[in-house]
N, C-alpha and C. Protein backbone atom coordinates (compact mmCIF):
# COMPACT_ATOMS: atom_id res chain seq x y z
N MET A 1 113.71 86.27 2.93
CA MET A 1 114.08 85.55 1.72
C MET A 1 115.50 85.97 1.33
N SER A 2 116.32 85.01 1.01
CA SER A 2 117.70 85.30 0.63
C SER A 2 117.77 85.95 -0.76
N ALA A 3 118.91 86.57 -1.03
CA ALA A 3 119.10 87.19 -2.35
C ALA A 3 119.01 86.14 -3.45
N ALA A 4 119.54 84.95 -3.20
CA ALA A 4 119.47 83.88 -4.21
C ALA A 4 118.02 83.47 -4.46
N ALA A 5 117.24 83.36 -3.40
CA ALA A 5 115.83 82.98 -3.55
C ALA A 5 115.05 84.06 -4.28
N GLU A 6 115.35 85.33 -4.00
CA GLU A 6 114.69 86.43 -4.70
C GLU A 6 115.03 86.41 -6.19
N MET A 7 116.30 86.16 -6.51
CA MET A 7 116.71 86.11 -7.91
C MET A 7 116.05 84.93 -8.61
N PHE A 8 115.95 83.79 -7.91
CA PHE A 8 115.28 82.63 -8.49
C PHE A 8 113.81 82.94 -8.75
N ALA A 9 113.16 83.62 -7.82
CA ALA A 9 111.75 83.97 -8.00
C ALA A 9 111.57 84.85 -9.23
N LYS A 10 112.50 85.78 -9.46
CA LYS A 10 112.44 86.61 -10.67
C LYS A 10 112.60 85.75 -11.92
N ALA A 11 113.55 84.82 -11.86
CA ALA A 11 113.78 83.92 -13.00
C ALA A 11 112.53 83.12 -13.31
N LEU A 12 111.87 82.63 -12.28
CA LEU A 12 110.65 81.85 -12.47
C LEU A 12 109.54 82.71 -13.07
N ASP A 13 109.37 83.92 -12.55
CA ASP A 13 108.36 84.83 -13.11
C ASP A 13 108.63 85.13 -14.58
N LEU A 14 109.88 85.39 -14.92
CA LEU A 14 110.24 85.68 -16.31
C LEU A 14 110.03 84.47 -17.20
N TYR A 15 110.33 83.27 -16.68
CA TYR A 15 110.09 82.06 -17.46
C TYR A 15 108.59 81.90 -17.74
N ARG A 16 107.79 82.08 -16.70
CA ARG A 16 106.33 81.96 -16.88
C ARG A 16 105.83 82.99 -17.90
N ALA A 17 106.38 84.19 -17.82
CA ALA A 17 105.99 85.24 -18.78
C ALA A 17 106.37 84.84 -20.20
N SER A 18 107.55 84.25 -20.36
CA SER A 18 107.98 83.84 -21.71
C SER A 18 107.03 82.80 -22.29
N ALA A 19 106.62 81.86 -21.46
CA ALA A 19 105.69 80.83 -21.93
C ALA A 19 104.33 81.42 -22.29
N LEU A 20 103.84 82.31 -21.46
CA LEU A 20 102.55 82.96 -21.75
C LEU A 20 102.62 83.81 -23.01
N LEU A 21 103.68 84.57 -23.14
CA LEU A 21 103.82 85.45 -24.30
C LEU A 21 103.96 84.65 -25.59
N GLN A 22 104.69 83.56 -25.54
CA GLN A 22 104.80 82.75 -26.75
C GLN A 22 103.44 82.14 -27.10
N GLY A 23 102.71 81.72 -26.08
CA GLY A 23 101.37 81.17 -26.31
C GLY A 23 100.44 82.18 -26.95
N ALA A 24 100.69 83.46 -26.69
CA ALA A 24 99.89 84.54 -27.26
C ALA A 24 100.51 85.08 -28.54
N THR A 25 101.49 84.38 -29.08
CA THR A 25 102.22 84.71 -30.30
C THR A 25 102.95 86.06 -30.24
N HIS A 26 103.39 86.42 -29.07
CA HIS A 26 104.25 87.60 -28.90
C HIS A 26 105.68 87.09 -28.75
N ASP A 27 106.21 86.58 -29.86
CA ASP A 27 107.49 85.88 -29.82
C ASP A 27 108.66 86.77 -29.39
N HIS A 28 108.68 88.00 -29.84
CA HIS A 28 109.80 88.87 -29.47
C HIS A 28 109.84 89.08 -27.95
N ALA A 29 108.72 89.40 -27.37
CA ALA A 29 108.65 89.60 -25.92
C ALA A 29 108.96 88.30 -25.18
N ALA A 30 108.50 87.18 -25.71
CA ALA A 30 108.79 85.88 -25.11
C ALA A 30 110.29 85.61 -25.10
N LEU A 31 110.96 85.95 -26.18
CA LEU A 31 112.40 85.76 -26.28
C LEU A 31 113.13 86.61 -25.24
N ILE A 32 112.74 87.87 -25.10
CA ILE A 32 113.38 88.76 -24.13
C ILE A 32 113.21 88.21 -22.71
N CYS A 33 112.02 87.74 -22.39
CA CYS A 33 111.78 87.18 -21.05
C CYS A 33 112.58 85.90 -20.83
N ALA A 34 112.67 85.05 -21.85
CA ALA A 34 113.45 83.81 -21.72
C ALA A 34 114.92 84.13 -21.47
N ILE A 35 115.46 85.09 -22.21
CA ILE A 35 116.86 85.48 -22.04
C ILE A 35 117.10 85.92 -20.60
N HIS A 36 116.25 86.79 -20.09
CA HIS A 36 116.46 87.31 -18.74
C HIS A 36 116.15 86.28 -17.66
N SER A 37 115.27 85.34 -17.94
CA SER A 37 115.04 84.24 -17.01
C SER A 37 116.31 83.41 -16.86
N GLY A 38 116.94 83.10 -17.97
CA GLY A 38 118.18 82.32 -17.92
C GLY A 38 119.29 83.04 -17.18
N ILE A 39 119.44 84.32 -17.44
CA ILE A 39 120.47 85.12 -16.76
C ILE A 39 120.19 85.16 -15.26
N ASN A 40 118.93 85.38 -14.88
CA ASN A 40 118.58 85.43 -13.46
C ASN A 40 118.77 84.08 -12.78
N SER A 41 118.51 82.99 -13.49
CA SER A 41 118.73 81.66 -12.92
C SER A 41 120.21 81.45 -12.61
N ALA A 42 121.06 81.84 -13.55
CA ALA A 42 122.51 81.72 -13.32
C ALA A 42 122.95 82.62 -12.17
N ASP A 43 122.38 83.82 -12.12
CA ASP A 43 122.71 84.74 -11.01
C ASP A 43 122.28 84.15 -9.67
N ALA A 44 121.13 83.48 -9.64
CA ALA A 44 120.66 82.87 -8.39
C ALA A 44 121.66 81.82 -7.90
N ILE A 45 122.19 81.03 -8.82
CA ILE A 45 123.18 80.01 -8.43
C ILE A 45 124.43 80.69 -7.88
N GLY A 46 124.91 81.72 -8.56
CA GLY A 46 126.09 82.44 -8.09
C GLY A 46 125.89 83.05 -6.72
N LEU A 47 124.73 83.64 -6.48
CA LEU A 47 124.42 84.21 -5.17
C LEU A 47 124.35 83.13 -4.10
N TYR A 48 123.75 82.00 -4.44
CA TYR A 48 123.63 80.88 -3.50
C TYR A 48 125.02 80.38 -3.10
N GLU A 49 125.93 80.35 -4.06
CA GLU A 49 127.29 79.89 -3.80
C GLU A 49 128.17 80.98 -3.20
N ASP A 50 127.60 82.15 -2.97
CA ASP A 50 128.32 83.31 -2.43
C ASP A 50 129.48 83.70 -3.34
N ASP A 51 129.27 83.50 -4.65
CA ASP A 51 130.27 83.87 -5.65
C ASP A 51 129.53 84.38 -6.89
N PRO A 52 128.80 85.50 -6.75
CA PRO A 52 128.03 85.99 -7.90
C PRO A 52 128.94 86.53 -8.99
N TYR A 53 128.46 86.43 -10.20
CA TYR A 53 129.19 87.01 -11.33
C TYR A 53 129.04 88.52 -11.24
N ARG A 54 130.15 89.23 -11.28
CA ARG A 54 130.12 90.68 -11.10
C ARG A 54 130.53 91.46 -12.34
N GLY A 55 130.81 90.76 -13.41
CA GLY A 55 131.24 91.44 -14.63
C GLY A 55 130.08 92.09 -15.37
N THR A 56 130.44 92.84 -16.37
CA THR A 56 129.41 93.49 -17.18
C THR A 56 129.18 92.75 -18.50
N GLU A 57 130.05 91.85 -18.84
CA GLU A 57 129.94 91.08 -20.08
C GLU A 57 129.18 89.79 -19.79
N HIS A 58 127.92 89.74 -20.23
CA HIS A 58 127.10 88.58 -19.92
C HIS A 58 127.66 87.29 -20.47
N ARG A 59 128.36 87.37 -21.59
CA ARG A 59 128.91 86.13 -22.18
C ARG A 59 129.88 85.47 -21.22
N ALA A 60 130.64 86.26 -20.48
CA ALA A 60 131.59 85.71 -19.51
C ALA A 60 130.87 85.08 -18.32
N ALA A 61 129.60 85.41 -18.13
CA ALA A 61 128.84 84.82 -17.03
C ALA A 61 128.71 83.31 -17.23
N ALA A 62 128.66 82.86 -18.47
CA ALA A 62 128.60 81.42 -18.74
C ALA A 62 129.87 80.73 -18.27
N ASP A 63 131.01 81.35 -18.51
CA ASP A 63 132.28 80.79 -18.04
C ASP A 63 132.32 80.76 -16.52
N HIS A 64 131.82 81.82 -15.91
CA HIS A 64 131.79 81.90 -14.45
C HIS A 64 130.91 80.78 -13.88
N LEU A 65 129.76 80.55 -14.50
CA LEU A 65 128.86 79.50 -14.05
C LEU A 65 129.55 78.15 -14.11
N ARG A 66 130.23 77.89 -15.19
CA ARG A 66 130.92 76.61 -15.35
C ARG A 66 132.05 76.46 -14.33
N GLN A 67 132.69 77.56 -13.97
CA GLN A 67 133.77 77.51 -12.99
C GLN A 67 133.23 77.21 -11.58
N LEU A 68 131.98 77.56 -11.33
CA LEU A 68 131.41 77.26 -10.02
C LEU A 68 131.32 75.76 -9.78
N ASP A 69 131.00 75.02 -10.83
CA ASP A 69 130.89 73.56 -10.72
C ASP A 69 130.93 72.98 -12.12
N VAL A 70 131.74 71.97 -12.31
CA VAL A 70 131.91 71.37 -13.65
C VAL A 70 130.59 70.79 -14.17
N ARG A 71 129.68 70.45 -13.27
CA ARG A 71 128.39 69.90 -13.69
C ARG A 71 127.51 70.93 -14.38
N PHE A 72 127.93 72.20 -14.37
CA PHE A 72 127.15 73.25 -15.02
C PHE A 72 127.54 73.44 -16.49
N ARG A 73 128.17 72.44 -17.09
CA ARG A 73 128.59 72.58 -18.48
C ARG A 73 127.40 72.85 -19.41
N LYS A 74 126.37 72.03 -19.33
CA LYS A 74 125.21 72.23 -20.22
C LYS A 74 124.45 73.51 -19.90
N PRO A 75 124.17 73.80 -18.63
CA PRO A 75 123.53 75.09 -18.35
C PRO A 75 124.37 76.28 -18.82
N ALA A 76 125.68 76.17 -18.73
CA ALA A 76 126.55 77.26 -19.20
C ALA A 76 126.41 77.43 -20.72
N GLN A 77 126.29 76.33 -21.44
CA GLN A 77 126.08 76.40 -22.89
C GLN A 77 124.74 77.08 -23.19
N SER A 78 123.72 76.72 -22.43
CA SER A 78 122.40 77.35 -22.62
C SER A 78 122.48 78.85 -22.34
N LEU A 79 123.18 79.21 -21.27
CA LEU A 79 123.32 80.63 -20.93
C LEU A 79 124.06 81.37 -22.04
N ARG A 80 125.10 80.76 -22.58
CA ARG A 80 125.85 81.41 -23.66
C ARG A 80 124.96 81.65 -24.88
N ARG A 81 124.12 80.66 -25.22
CA ARG A 81 123.22 80.84 -26.37
C ARG A 81 122.24 81.99 -26.11
N LEU A 82 121.73 82.05 -24.89
CA LEU A 82 120.78 83.11 -24.57
C LEU A 82 121.43 84.49 -24.63
N VAL A 83 122.60 84.63 -24.03
CA VAL A 83 123.22 85.96 -24.01
C VAL A 83 123.75 86.34 -25.39
N ASP A 84 124.05 85.37 -26.23
CA ASP A 84 124.45 85.69 -27.60
C ASP A 84 123.30 86.35 -28.37
N ARG A 85 122.07 86.04 -27.97
CA ARG A 85 120.89 86.62 -28.63
C ARG A 85 120.47 87.95 -28.00
N LYS A 86 120.99 88.23 -26.82
CA LYS A 86 120.49 89.36 -26.03
C LYS A 86 120.52 90.69 -26.77
N SER A 87 121.67 91.13 -27.22
CA SER A 87 121.76 92.45 -27.85
C SER A 87 120.96 92.53 -29.14
N SER A 88 121.08 91.52 -29.97
CA SER A 88 120.36 91.58 -31.23
C SER A 88 118.86 91.52 -31.01
N ALA A 89 118.42 90.79 -30.02
CA ALA A 89 116.98 90.71 -29.74
C ALA A 89 116.47 91.99 -29.09
N GLU A 90 117.20 92.51 -28.13
CA GLU A 90 116.72 93.71 -27.44
C GLU A 90 116.64 94.92 -28.35
N TYR A 91 117.55 95.00 -29.29
CA TYR A 91 117.55 96.15 -30.20
C TYR A 91 116.99 95.79 -31.56
N ARG A 92 116.36 94.62 -31.63
CA ARG A 92 115.70 94.13 -32.85
C ARG A 92 116.62 94.16 -34.07
N ARG A 93 117.88 93.84 -33.83
CA ARG A 93 118.83 93.76 -34.94
C ARG A 93 118.62 92.49 -35.75
N ALA A 94 117.99 91.52 -35.13
CA ALA A 94 117.72 90.26 -35.83
C ALA A 94 116.30 89.81 -35.51
N ARG A 95 115.69 89.14 -36.44
CA ARG A 95 114.37 88.56 -36.21
C ARG A 95 114.58 87.08 -35.95
N TYR A 96 113.87 86.58 -35.02
CA TYR A 96 114.00 85.18 -34.64
C TYR A 96 112.75 84.42 -35.03
N THR A 97 112.96 83.21 -35.47
CA THR A 97 111.83 82.36 -35.85
C THR A 97 111.15 81.82 -34.60
N ARG A 98 109.95 81.32 -34.79
CA ARG A 98 109.21 80.71 -33.67
C ARG A 98 110.00 79.55 -33.08
N ASN A 99 110.66 78.77 -33.92
CA ASN A 99 111.46 77.64 -33.42
C ASN A 99 112.65 78.13 -32.59
N GLN A 100 113.27 79.23 -33.00
CA GLN A 100 114.38 79.78 -32.22
C GLN A 100 113.90 80.30 -30.87
N VAL A 101 112.73 80.88 -30.84
CA VAL A 101 112.16 81.34 -29.58
C VAL A 101 111.87 80.13 -28.68
N THR A 102 111.32 79.08 -29.26
CA THR A 102 111.06 77.86 -28.50
C THR A 102 112.36 77.30 -27.93
N ASP A 103 113.42 77.31 -28.72
CA ASP A 103 114.72 76.85 -28.25
C ASP A 103 115.23 77.71 -27.09
N ALA A 104 115.04 79.02 -27.19
CA ALA A 104 115.47 79.92 -26.12
C ALA A 104 114.70 79.65 -24.84
N ILE A 105 113.41 79.40 -24.96
CA ILE A 105 112.60 79.08 -23.79
C ILE A 105 113.07 77.75 -23.19
N GLY A 106 113.46 76.82 -24.03
CA GLY A 106 114.02 75.55 -23.54
C GLY A 106 115.33 75.77 -22.80
N ASP A 107 116.18 76.65 -23.32
CA ASP A 107 117.43 76.98 -22.63
C ASP A 107 117.13 77.62 -21.27
N ALA A 108 116.16 78.52 -21.25
CA ALA A 108 115.79 79.17 -19.98
C ALA A 108 115.26 78.14 -18.99
N ARG A 109 114.48 77.19 -19.48
CA ARG A 109 113.94 76.15 -18.59
C ARG A 109 115.06 75.30 -18.01
N LEU A 110 116.06 74.93 -18.81
CA LEU A 110 117.18 74.14 -18.30
C LEU A 110 117.89 74.90 -17.18
N LEU A 111 118.14 76.18 -17.39
CA LEU A 111 118.79 76.99 -16.36
C LEU A 111 117.92 77.11 -15.11
N LEU A 112 116.61 77.29 -15.30
CA LEU A 112 115.69 77.39 -14.18
C LEU A 112 115.65 76.10 -13.38
N GLU A 113 115.57 74.98 -14.07
CA GLU A 113 115.53 73.69 -13.37
C GLU A 113 116.84 73.41 -12.65
N THR A 114 117.96 73.80 -13.26
CA THR A 114 119.27 73.63 -12.62
C THR A 114 119.34 74.48 -11.35
N ALA A 115 118.89 75.73 -11.45
CA ALA A 115 118.90 76.60 -10.27
C ALA A 115 117.99 76.03 -9.18
N ALA A 116 116.83 75.51 -9.57
CA ALA A 116 115.90 74.94 -8.59
C ALA A 116 116.55 73.78 -7.84
N LEU A 117 117.23 72.91 -8.57
CA LEU A 117 117.92 71.80 -7.92
C LEU A 117 119.03 72.30 -7.00
N TRP A 118 119.78 73.27 -7.48
CA TRP A 118 120.92 73.78 -6.72
C TRP A 118 120.48 74.49 -5.46
N LEU A 119 119.41 75.27 -5.57
CA LEU A 119 118.90 76.02 -4.42
C LEU A 119 117.94 75.19 -3.57
N GLN A 120 117.68 73.97 -4.00
CA GLN A 120 116.80 73.05 -3.30
C GLN A 120 115.37 73.59 -3.20
N VAL A 121 114.92 74.18 -4.30
CA VAL A 121 113.53 74.63 -4.41
C VAL A 121 112.70 73.40 -4.75
N PRO A 122 111.57 73.20 -4.08
CA PRO A 122 110.74 72.04 -4.40
C PRO A 122 110.40 71.99 -5.89
N VAL A 123 110.62 70.83 -6.48
CA VAL A 123 110.42 70.66 -7.91
C VAL A 123 108.99 70.99 -8.32
N ALA A 124 108.04 70.72 -7.46
CA ALA A 124 106.64 70.99 -7.79
C ALA A 124 106.43 72.48 -8.07
N ASP A 125 107.18 73.35 -7.40
CA ASP A 125 107.05 74.79 -7.64
C ASP A 125 107.42 75.15 -9.07
N VAL A 126 108.39 74.46 -9.63
CA VAL A 126 108.82 74.72 -11.00
C VAL A 126 107.92 73.99 -11.98
N GLN A 127 107.50 72.79 -11.65
CA GLN A 127 106.68 72.00 -12.56
C GLN A 127 105.29 72.58 -12.74
N ARG A 128 104.84 73.43 -11.83
CA ARG A 128 103.53 74.07 -11.99
C ARG A 128 103.55 75.07 -13.14
N THR A 129 104.74 75.38 -13.62
CA THR A 129 104.86 76.32 -14.73
C THR A 129 104.45 75.60 -16.01
N VAL A 130 103.31 75.99 -16.54
CA VAL A 130 102.80 75.36 -17.75
C VAL A 130 102.52 76.44 -18.78
N THR A 131 102.59 76.04 -20.02
CA THR A 131 102.27 76.97 -21.10
C THR A 131 100.77 76.93 -21.34
N ILE A 132 100.14 78.12 -21.27
CA ILE A 132 98.72 78.23 -21.58
C ILE A 132 98.55 79.36 -22.56
N THR A 133 97.43 79.36 -23.22
CA THR A 133 97.16 80.46 -24.14
C THR A 133 96.16 81.40 -23.49
N PHE A 134 96.04 82.61 -24.01
CA PHE A 134 95.08 83.54 -23.47
C PHE A 134 93.67 83.01 -23.63
N GLY A 135 93.41 82.18 -24.61
CA GLY A 135 92.11 81.56 -24.75
C GLY A 135 91.81 80.67 -23.56
N ASP A 136 92.83 79.95 -23.08
CA ASP A 136 92.66 79.11 -21.88
C ASP A 136 92.33 79.96 -20.67
N VAL A 137 92.99 81.08 -20.53
CA VAL A 137 92.76 81.97 -19.39
C VAL A 137 91.34 82.50 -19.45
N GLU A 138 90.91 82.93 -20.61
CA GLU A 138 89.57 83.49 -20.75
C GLU A 138 88.50 82.42 -20.47
N SER A 139 88.75 81.19 -20.90
CA SER A 139 87.75 80.16 -20.69
C SER A 139 87.67 79.73 -19.24
N ASN A 140 88.72 80.05 -18.44
CA ASN A 140 88.71 79.72 -17.03
C ASN A 140 88.27 80.91 -16.17
N GLY A 141 87.68 81.88 -16.79
CA GLY A 141 87.20 83.03 -16.05
C GLY A 141 88.25 84.07 -15.80
N GLY A 142 89.47 83.93 -16.44
CA GLY A 142 90.58 84.87 -16.20
C GLY A 142 90.44 86.04 -17.05
């Protein structure tokens, strides 16, 4: 498996975790997972293009993503919103509403879907990602 595919797999796992955590009303943890899913999705694209972002300032990663291809304008905006929340969310400097968490998960999904298209991952692999609640898991024998 290539480094880009491994990074994409991490992004997908984190996205799935964000959806599950939000369904279980663990919004803070869901937000953290969504943020890192988006970052990993952008990293997967950079690795695939053999031009990974190597800086330490995550906000600049959005600019790097956009420089890779002009069509990444919207995903770059989503990445910027996610990384703008990163420090305050990780250190609980700010509390986020349920709607803001939902928006962050939406931003992560846009980045994930963009990475899937770019890396030519079958769309069905991404579309299988559904939001379920722990009640759903328990009722299915999970």
